[in-house]
Amino acid sequence: MARIEFKRLAHSYRPSPEKPEDYALRSMDLTWEDAGAYAVLGPSGCGKTT
C-alpha cells in the first residue's frame, strides 16, 4: 500500500520567520493513504497553486 507522509511541513516567504503570522503555511503533519481523495482549499489568491 502506498503512502505519502509529510512531517513538520511549513513554508515562509521571509528568510527568518519569527511569529506564526510570518508563515504562509504553518507547521503540520500529513499522511496521505493509497486510494484517498484530498484537496487544498482556501480563498482566491491565497497561494494554493504556488
PDB file of N, CA and C in Angstrom:
ATOM      1  N   MET A   1       0.845  -1.182   0.000  1.00  0.00           N
ATOM      2  CA  MET A   1       0.000   0.000   0.000  1.00  0.00           C
ATOM      3  C   MET A   1       0.892   1.247   0.000  1.00  0.00           C
ATOM      4  N   ALA A   2       0.598   2.174  -0.865  1.00  0.00           N
ATOM      5  CA  ALA A   2       1.380   3.416  -0.970  1.00  0.00           C
ATOM      6  C   ALA A   2       0.935   4.419   0.086  1.00  0.00           C
ATOM      7  N   ARG A   3       1.871   5.251   0.511  1.00  0.00           N
ATOM      8  CA  ARG A   3       1.579   6.287   1.499  1.00  0.00           C
ATOM      9  C   ARG A   3       2.550   7.444   1.277  1.00  0.00           C
ATOM     10  N   ILE A   4       2.062   8.659   1.394  1.00  0.00           N
ATOM     11  CA  ILE A   4       2.909   9.853   1.355  1.00  0.00           C
ATOM     12  C   ILE A   4       2.784  10.526   2.710  1.00  0.00           C
ATOM     13  N   GLU A   5       3.921  10.764   3.366  1.00  0.00           N
ATOM     14  CA  GLU A   5       3.917  11.401   4.683  1.00  0.00           C
ATOM     15  C   GLU A   5       4.720  12.694   4.653  1.00  0.00           C
ATOM     16  N   PHE A   6       4.179  13.713   5.268  1.00  0.00           N
ATOM     17  CA  PHE A   6       4.874  14.979   5.476  1.00  0.00           C
ATOM     18  C   PHE A   6       4.984  15.192   6.978  1.00  0.00           C
ATOM     19  N   LYS A   7       6.169  15.446   7.468  1.00  0.00           N
ATOM     20  CA  LYS A   7       6.386  15.727   8.884  1.00  0.00           C
ATOM     21  C   LYS A   7       6.906  17.153   9.026  1.00  0.00           C
ATOM     22  N   ARG A   8       6.238  17.938   9.847  1.00  0.00           N
ATOM     23  CA  ARG A   8       6.601  19.335  10.120  1.00  0.00           C
ATOM     24  C   ARG A   8       6.726  20.154   8.832  1.00  0.00           C
ATOM     25  N   LEU A   9       5.793  19.961   7.928  1.00  0.00           N
ATOM     26  CA  LEU A   9       5.753  20.710   6.671  1.00  0.00           C
ATOM     27  C   LEU A   9       5.343  22.150   6.962  1.00  0.00           C
ATOM     28  N   ALA A  10       6.145  23.114   6.535  1.00  0.00           N
ATOM     29  CA  ALA A  10       5.859  24.535   6.738  1.00  0.00           C
ATOM     30  C   ALA A  10       6.546  25.332   5.637  1.00  0.00           C
ATOM     31  N   HIS A  11       6.067  26.568   5.426  1.00  0.00           N
ATOM     32  CA  HIS A  11       6.709  27.434   4.439  1.00  0.00           C
ATOM     33  C   HIS A  11       6.516  28.890   4.825  1.00  0.00           C
ATOM     34  N   SER A  12       7.574  29.670   4.653  1.00  0.00           N
ATOM     35  CA  SER A  12       7.524  31.110   4.868  1.00  0.00           C
ATOM     36  C   SER A  12       8.277  31.787   3.738  1.00  0.00           C
ATOM     37  N   TYR A  13       7.786  32.942   3.301  1.00  0.00           N
ATOM     38  CA  TYR A  13       8.497  33.721   2.288  1.00  0.00           C
ATOM     39  C   TYR A  13       9.533  34.631   2.931  1.00  0.00           C
ATOM     40  N   ARG A  14       9.521  34.722   4.251  1.00  0.00           N
ATOM     41  CA  ARG A  14      10.526  35.515   4.970  1.00  0.00           C
ATOM     42  C   ARG A  14      11.753  34.635   5.233  1.00  0.00           C
ATOM     43  N   PRO A  15      12.952  35.205   5.183  1.00  0.00           N
ATOM     44  CA  PRO A  15      14.153  34.396   5.396  1.00  0.00           C
ATOM     45  C   PRO A  15      14.283  33.870   6.825  1.00  0.00           C
ATOM     46  N   SER A  16      13.790  34.607   7.810  1.00  0.00           N
ATOM     47  CA  SER A  16      13.875  34.183   9.215  1.00  0.00           C
ATOM     48  C   SER A  16      12.536  34.411   9.905  1.00  0.00           C
ATOM     49  N   PRO A  17      11.556  33.553   9.680  1.00  0.00           N
ATOM     50  CA  PRO A  17      10.245  33.757  10.303  1.00  0.00           C
ATOM     51  C   PRO A  17      10.336  33.634  11.821  1.00  0.00           C
ATOM     52  N   GLU A  18       9.646  34.528  12.521  1.00  0.00           N
ATOM     53  CA  GLU A  18       9.677  34.534  13.982  1.00  0.00           C
ATOM     54  C   GLU A  18       8.302  34.329  14.601  1.00  0.00           C
ATOM     55  N   LYS A  19       7.257  34.859  13.950  1.00  0.00           N
ATOM     56  CA  LYS A  19       5.909  34.802  14.503  1.00  0.00           C
ATOM     57  C   LYS A  19       5.055  33.865  13.652  1.00  0.00           C
ATOM     58  N   PRO A  20       3.985  33.313  14.244  1.00  0.00           N
ATOM     59  CA  PRO A  20       3.104  32.432  13.460  1.00  0.00           C
ATOM     60  C   PRO A  20       2.561  33.106  12.202  1.00  0.00           C
ATOM     61  N   GLU A  21       2.292  34.401  12.262  1.00  0.00           N
ATOM     62  CA  GLU A  21       1.742  35.091  11.089  1.00  0.00           C
ATOM     63  C   GLU A  21       2.778  35.316   9.985  1.00  0.00           C
ATOM     64  N   ASP A  22       4.053  35.006  10.240  1.00  0.00           N
ATOM     65  CA  ASP A  22       5.090  35.094   9.206  1.00  0.00           C
ATOM     66  C   ASP A  22       5.033  33.908   8.232  1.00  0.00           C
ATOM     67  N   TYR A  23       4.272  32.883   8.578  1.00  0.00           N
ATOM     68  CA  TYR A  23       4.219  31.664   7.770  1.00  0.00           C
ATOM     69  C   TYR A  23       3.061  31.692   6.792  1.00  0.00           C
ATOM     70  N   ALA A  24       3.332  31.341   5.548  1.00  0.00           N
ATOM     71  CA  ALA A  24       2.269  31.129   4.569  1.00  0.00           C
ATOM     72  C   ALA A  24       1.605  29.783   4.836  1.00  0.00           C
ATOM     73  N   LEU A  25       2.379  28.821   5.310  1.00  0.00           N
ATOM     74  CA  LEU A  25       1.880  27.502   5.685  1.00  0.00           C
ATOM     75  C   LEU A  25       2.495  27.149   7.029  1.00  0.00           C
ATOM     76  N   ARG A  26       1.666  27.079   8.063  1.00  0.00           N
ATOM     77  CA  ARG A  26       2.161  26.739   9.400  1.00  0.00           C
ATOM     78  C   ARG A  26       2.484  25.255   9.474  1.00  0.00           C
ATOM     79  N   SER A  27       3.372  24.902  10.378  1.00  0.00           N
ATOM     80  CA  SER A  27       3.847  23.528  10.513  1.00  0.00           C
ATOM     81  C   SER A  27       2.692  22.546  10.705  1.00  0.00           C
ATOM     82  N   MET A  28       2.735  21.471   9.916  1.00  0.00           N
ATOM     83  CA  MET A  28       1.702  20.435  10.032  1.00  0.00           C
ATOM     84  C   MET A  28       2.274  19.087   9.632  1.00  0.00           C
ATOM     85  N   ASP A  29       1.632  18.042  10.105  1.00  0.00           N
ATOM     86  CA  ASP A  29       1.942  16.674   9.707  1.00  0.00           C
ATOM     87  C   ASP A  29       0.769  16.160   8.880  1.00  0.00           C
ATOM     88  N   LEU A  30       1.073  15.514   7.765  1.00  0.00           N
ATOM     89  CA  LEU A  30       0.038  14.952   6.894  1.00  0.00           C
ATOM     90  C   LEU A  30       0.417  13.535   6.501  1.00  0.00           C
ATOM     91  N   THR A  31      -0.570  12.682   6.398  1.00  0.00           N
ATOM     92  CA  THR A  31      -0.378  11.347   5.847  1.00  0.00           C
ATOM     93  C   THR A  31      -1.463  11.118   4.811  1.00  0.00           C
ATOM     94  N   TRP A  32      -1.058  10.881   3.594  1.00  0.00           N
ATOM     95  CA  TRP A  32      -1.996  10.588   2.508  1.00  0.00           C
ATOM     96  C   TRP A  32      -1.904   9.101   2.221  1.00  0.00           C
ATOM     97  N   GLU A  33      -3.032   8.416   2.373  1.00  0.00           N
ATOM     98  CA  GLU A  33      -3.095   6.972   2.167  1.00  0.00           C
ATOM     99  C   GLU A  33      -3.451   6.649   0.716  1.00  0.00           C
ATOM    100  N   ASP A  34      -3.080   5.464   0.295  1.00  0.00           N
ATOM    101  CA  ASP A  34      -3.402   4.960  -1.034  1.00  0.00           C
ATOM    102  C   ASP A  34      -4.916   4.982  -1.255  1.00  0.00           C
ATOM    103  N   ALA A  35      -5.338   5.418  -2.425  1.00  0.00           N
ATOM    104  CA  ALA A  35      -6.746   5.465  -2.848  1.00  0.00           C
ATOM    105  C   ALA A  35      -7.555   6.534  -2.130  1.00  0.00           C
ATOM    106  N   GLY A  36      -6.909   7.455  -1.434  1.00  0.00           N
ATOM    107  CA  GLY A  36      -7.628   8.555  -0.787  1.00  0.00           C
ATOM    108  C   GLY A  36      -7.837   9.701  -1.760  1.00  0.00           C
ATOM    109  N   ALA A  37      -8.791  10.541  -1.448  1.00  0.00           N
ATOM    110  CA  ALA A  37      -9.050  11.750  -2.241  1.00  0.00           C
ATOM    111  C   ALA A  37      -8.780  12.951  -1.347  1.00  0.00           C
ATOM    112  N   TYR A  38      -7.930  13.877  -1.789  1.00  0.00           N
ATOM    113  CA  TYR A  38      -7.507  15.006  -0.969  1.00  0.00           C
ATOM    114  C   TYR A  38      -7.595  16.290  -1.779  1.00  0.00           C
ATOM    115  N   ALA A  39      -7.809  17.409  -1.093  1.00  0.00           N
ATOM    116  CA  ALA A  39      -7.924  18.706  -1.765  1.00  0.00           C
ATOM    117  C   ALA A  39      -7.285  19.784  -0.906  1.00  0.00           C
ATOM    118  N   VAL A  40      -6.767  20.818  -1.555  1.00  0.00           N
ATOM    119  CA  VAL A  40      -6.267  22.011  -0.876  1.00  0.00           C
ATOM    120  C   VAL A  40      -7.317  23.092  -1.068  1.00  0.00           C
ATOM    121  N   LEU A  41      -7.840  23.613   0.038  1.00  0.00           N
ATOM    122  CA  LEU A  41      -8.910  24.605  -0.010  1.00  0.00           C
ATOM    123  C   LEU A  41      -8.436  25.932   0.558  1.00  0.00           C
ATOM    124  N   GLY A  42      -8.944  27.021   0.032  1.00  0.00           N
ATOM    125  CA  GLY A  42      -8.627  28.348   0.543  1.00  0.00           C
ATOM    126  C   GLY A  42      -9.219  29.403  -0.362  1.00  0.00           C
ATOM    127  N   PRO A  43      -9.220  30.645   0.117  1.00  0.00           N
ATOM    128  CA  PRO A  43      -9.797  31.723  -0.681  1.00  0.00           C
ATOM    129  C   PRO A  43      -8.954  32.027  -1.922  1.00  0.00           C
ATOM    130  N   SER A  44      -9.565  32.671  -2.883  1.00  0.00           N
ATOM    131  CA  SER A  44      -8.892  33.067  -4.106  1.00  0.00           C
ATOM    132  C   SER A  44      -7.700  33.966  -3.782  1.00  0.00           C
ATOM    133  N   GLY A  45      -6.556  33.668  -4.400  1.00  0.00           N
ATOM    134  CA  GLY A  45      -5.368  34.497  -4.221  1.00  0.00           C
ATOM    135  C   GLY A  45      -4.521  34.153  -3.018  1.00  0.00           C
ATOM    136  N   CYS A  46      -4.813  33.058  -2.312  1.00  0.00           N
ATOM    137  CA  CYS A  46      -4.049  32.745  -1.098  1.00  0.00           C
ATOM    138  C   CYS A  46      -2.818  31.882  -1.368  1.00  0.00           C
ATOM    139  N   GLY A  47      -2.574  31.458  -2.619  1.00  0.00           N
ATOM    140  CA  GLY A  47      -1.359  30.722  -2.953  1.00  0.00           C
ATOM    141  C   GLY A  47      -1.503  29.213  -2.998  1.00  0.00           C
ATOM    142  N   LYS A  48      -2.681  28.710  -3.229  1.00  0.00           N
ATOM    143  CA  LYS A  48      -2.893  27.261  -3.262  1.00  0.00           C
ATOM    144  C   LYS A  48      -2.068  26.575  -4.345  1.00  0.00           C
ATOM    145  N   THR A  49      -1.843  27.217  -5.470  1.00  0.00           N
ATOM    146  CA  THR A  49      -1.097  26.583  -6.559  1.00  0.00           C
ATOM    147  C   THR A  49       0.371  26.990  -6.593  1.00  0.00           C
ATOM    148  N   THR A  50       0.807  27.793  -5.679  1.00  0.00           N
ATOM    149  CA  THR A  50       2.191  28.258  -5.663  1.00  0.00           C
ATOM    150  C   THR A  50       3.122  27.162  -5.211  1.00  0.00           C
TER     151      THR A  50
END
